[in-house]
Amino acid sequence: MKNIFYVISMSLLISGCSFTGTSDVINNGSVNEIITLKVPSEPDTISDDKQYANFEIEVPQITQDVYDYGSINAYIERTYEDERPDRWSQLPQVFINSENSTSAYISFGVGFIRVSMQSKGTVEELFEMLKERNLKVVIVN
């Protein structure tokens, strides 16, 4: 009897709720700014065990307003010498394999971005793949 009462109560509760699938939209006249940067040839920091490294790039377009209200997307340029088309790959990049899982992700502060790399083994191969490539940063504010 308790179970029947519980099921009926939950049914009434759920049927009394309405889900409209809408959300509030804040229209603040957002503007996108696209900047192309070059990944440095060496990381700024690399741990002794080589499982973590990062590099920072100055981006004066990331203002306090962007930090407080905007968002940043970053893409690494992928180019090939065979028939595969060139393309942009969005960060984070995650490479999972049983021997050396690695990832690269972006964070930002006022005036800069930081790309960090972590690995189960070593980040050296990942950084070798990223270094001196173009990095497209999209600022949405």
Protein backbone atom coordinates (compact mmCIF):
# COMPACT_ATOMS: atom_id res chain seq x y z
CA MET A 1 0.00 0.00 0.00
CA LYS A 2 2.88 2.37 0.80
CA ASN A 3 4.37 1.67 -2.65
CA ILE A 4 1.11 2.53 -4.41
CA PHE A 5 0.82 5.77 -2.44
CA TYR A 6 4.45 6.61 -3.29
CA VAL A 7 3.95 5.95 -7.03
CA ILE A 8 0.74 8.02 -7.14
CA SER A 9 2.38 10.86 -5.19
CA MET A 10 5.42 10.93 -7.50
CA SER A 11 3.17 10.81 -10.58
CA LEU A 12 1.16 13.77 -9.36
CA LEU A 13 4.33 15.68 -8.52
CA ILE A 14 5.92 15.02 -11.90
CA SER A 15 2.75 15.76 -13.87
CA GLY A 16 2.45 19.08 -12.03
CA CYS A 17 5.86 20.17 -13.34
CA SER A 18 6.20 21.60 -16.79
CA PHE A 19 9.39 21.60 -18.84
CA THR A 20 9.34 24.14 -21.63
CA GLY A 21 12.83 23.54 -23.00
CA THR A 22 13.57 27.27 -23.02
CA SER A 23 16.15 29.26 -21.14
CA ASP A 24 16.84 32.90 -20.50
CA VAL A 25 19.04 34.48 -23.14
CA ILE A 26 21.18 37.45 -22.27
CA ASN A 27 21.69 39.62 -25.33
CA ASN A 28 24.61 41.89 -24.57
CA GLY A 29 25.63 42.62 -28.16
CA SER A 30 28.38 39.99 -28.11
CA VAL A 31 31.27 40.29 -30.54
CA ASN A 32 33.67 37.61 -31.75
CA GLU A 33 37.32 38.40 -32.22
CA ILE A 34 39.62 35.91 -33.96
CA ILE A 35 43.36 36.00 -33.34
CA THR A 36 45.98 33.70 -34.84
CA LEU A 37 49.04 33.08 -32.66
CA LYS A 38 52.14 30.92 -33.02
CA VAL A 39 52.87 28.11 -30.55
CA PRO A 40 56.39 28.65 -29.15
CA SER A 41 59.24 26.29 -29.97
CA GLU A 42 59.76 25.38 -26.29
CA PRO A 43 57.33 25.07 -23.36
CA ASP A 44 57.61 27.65 -20.57
CA THR A 45 57.44 24.96 -17.90
CA ILE A 46 58.03 21.23 -17.96
CA SER A 47 58.01 19.02 -14.88
CA ASP A 48 60.99 16.85 -13.97
CA ASP A 49 59.02 13.68 -14.77
CA LYS A 50 57.91 15.26 -18.11
CA GLN A 51 54.25 14.45 -17.36
CA TYR A 52 53.20 18.13 -17.32
CA ALA A 53 54.19 21.17 -19.38
CA ASN A 54 52.65 24.48 -20.35
CA PHE A 55 53.24 27.64 -22.31
CA GLU A 56 51.68 31.07 -22.08
CA ILE A 57 51.06 33.57 -24.86
CA GLU A 58 50.19 37.21 -24.27
CA VAL A 59 46.78 38.15 -25.66
CA PRO A 60 46.04 41.79 -24.80
CA GLN A 61 42.56 41.43 -26.34
CA ILE A 62 41.54 39.36 -23.29
CA THR A 63 40.39 42.22 -21.12
CA GLN A 64 38.83 42.17 -17.69
CA ASP A 65 35.43 42.34 -19.42
CA VAL A 66 36.26 39.22 -21.48
CA TYR A 67 37.53 37.48 -18.34
CA ASP A 68 34.36 38.32 -16.42
CA TYR A 69 31.72 37.79 -19.13
CA GLY A 70 33.25 36.25 -22.25
CA SER A 71 34.55 32.90 -23.37
CA ILE A 72 37.59 31.65 -25.25
CA ASN A 73 37.81 28.83 -27.78
CA ALA A 74 41.12 27.67 -29.22
CA TYR A 75 41.99 25.59 -32.26
CA ILE A 76 45.34 24.12 -33.32
CA GLU A 77 46.08 24.10 -37.05
CA ARG A 78 46.57 20.63 -38.50
CA THR A 79 48.44 20.45 -41.81
CA TYR A 80 49.52 17.40 -43.77
CA GLU A 81 51.90 16.64 -46.59
CA ASP A 82 49.65 13.93 -48.05
CA GLU A 83 46.13 14.14 -49.53
CA ARG A 84 44.41 14.81 -46.18
CA PRO A 85 42.88 18.31 -45.99
CA ASP A 86 44.26 20.94 -43.62
CA ARG A 87 41.95 21.69 -40.70
CA TRP A 88 41.58 23.26 -37.26
CA SER A 89 41.21 20.98 -34.22
CA GLN A 90 39.58 22.39 -31.12
CA LEU A 91 41.30 22.26 -27.75
CA PRO A 92 41.14 20.30 -25.56
CA GLN A 93 42.90 17.59 -27.51
CA VAL A 94 42.89 14.18 -25.84
CA PHE A 95 44.98 11.27 -27.07
CA ILE A 96 44.17 8.02 -25.29
CA ASN A 97 46.21 4.90 -25.63
CA SER A 98 47.36 2.32 -23.14
CA GLU A 99 51.00 3.42 -23.15
CA ASN A 100 50.98 7.21 -23.09
CA SER A 101 47.61 8.97 -22.70
CA THR A 102 48.03 12.73 -23.14
CA SER A 103 45.89 15.85 -23.29
CA ALA A 104 46.30 19.53 -24.11
CA TYR A 105 43.85 22.10 -22.80
CA ILE A 106 43.52 25.88 -22.59
CA SER A 107 42.92 28.28 -19.75
CA PHE A 108 42.99 32.07 -19.79
CA GLY A 109 43.37 35.12 -17.63
CA VAL A 110 43.41 38.84 -18.27
CA GLY A 111 45.92 39.40 -21.07
CA PHE A 112 47.04 35.80 -21.68
CA ILE A 113 46.19 32.23 -22.55
CA ARG A 114 47.92 29.13 -21.19
CA VAL A 115 48.02 25.80 -22.98
CA SER A 116 48.73 22.97 -20.55
CA MET A 117 49.68 19.42 -21.45
CA GLN A 118 49.42 16.37 -19.20
CA SER A 119 50.47 12.81 -19.81
CA LYS A 120 50.50 9.41 -18.23
CA GLY A 121 54.01 9.04 -19.67
CA THR A 122 55.61 12.10 -21.27
CA VAL A 123 54.28 15.27 -22.92
CA GLU A 124 57.32 15.58 -25.19
CA GLU A 125 55.69 13.90 -28.20
CA LEU A 126 52.53 16.00 -27.86
CA PHE A 127 54.48 19.24 -27.60
CA GLU A 128 56.56 18.23 -30.61
CA MET A 129 53.29 17.91 -32.55
CA LEU A 130 52.03 21.35 -31.39
CA LYS A 131 55.17 23.49 -31.49
CA GLU A 132 55.41 26.33 -33.99
CA ARG A 133 51.90 25.62 -35.33
CA ASN A 134 49.22 28.26 -35.64
CA LEU A 135 46.81 28.55 -32.75
CA LYS A 136 43.48 30.22 -33.52
CA VAL A 137 41.90 31.92 -30.52
CA VAL A 138 38.26 32.98 -30.73
CA ILE A 139 37.16 35.50 -28.12
CA VAL A 140 33.41 35.77 -27.61
CA ASN A 141 32.36 38.77 -25.55
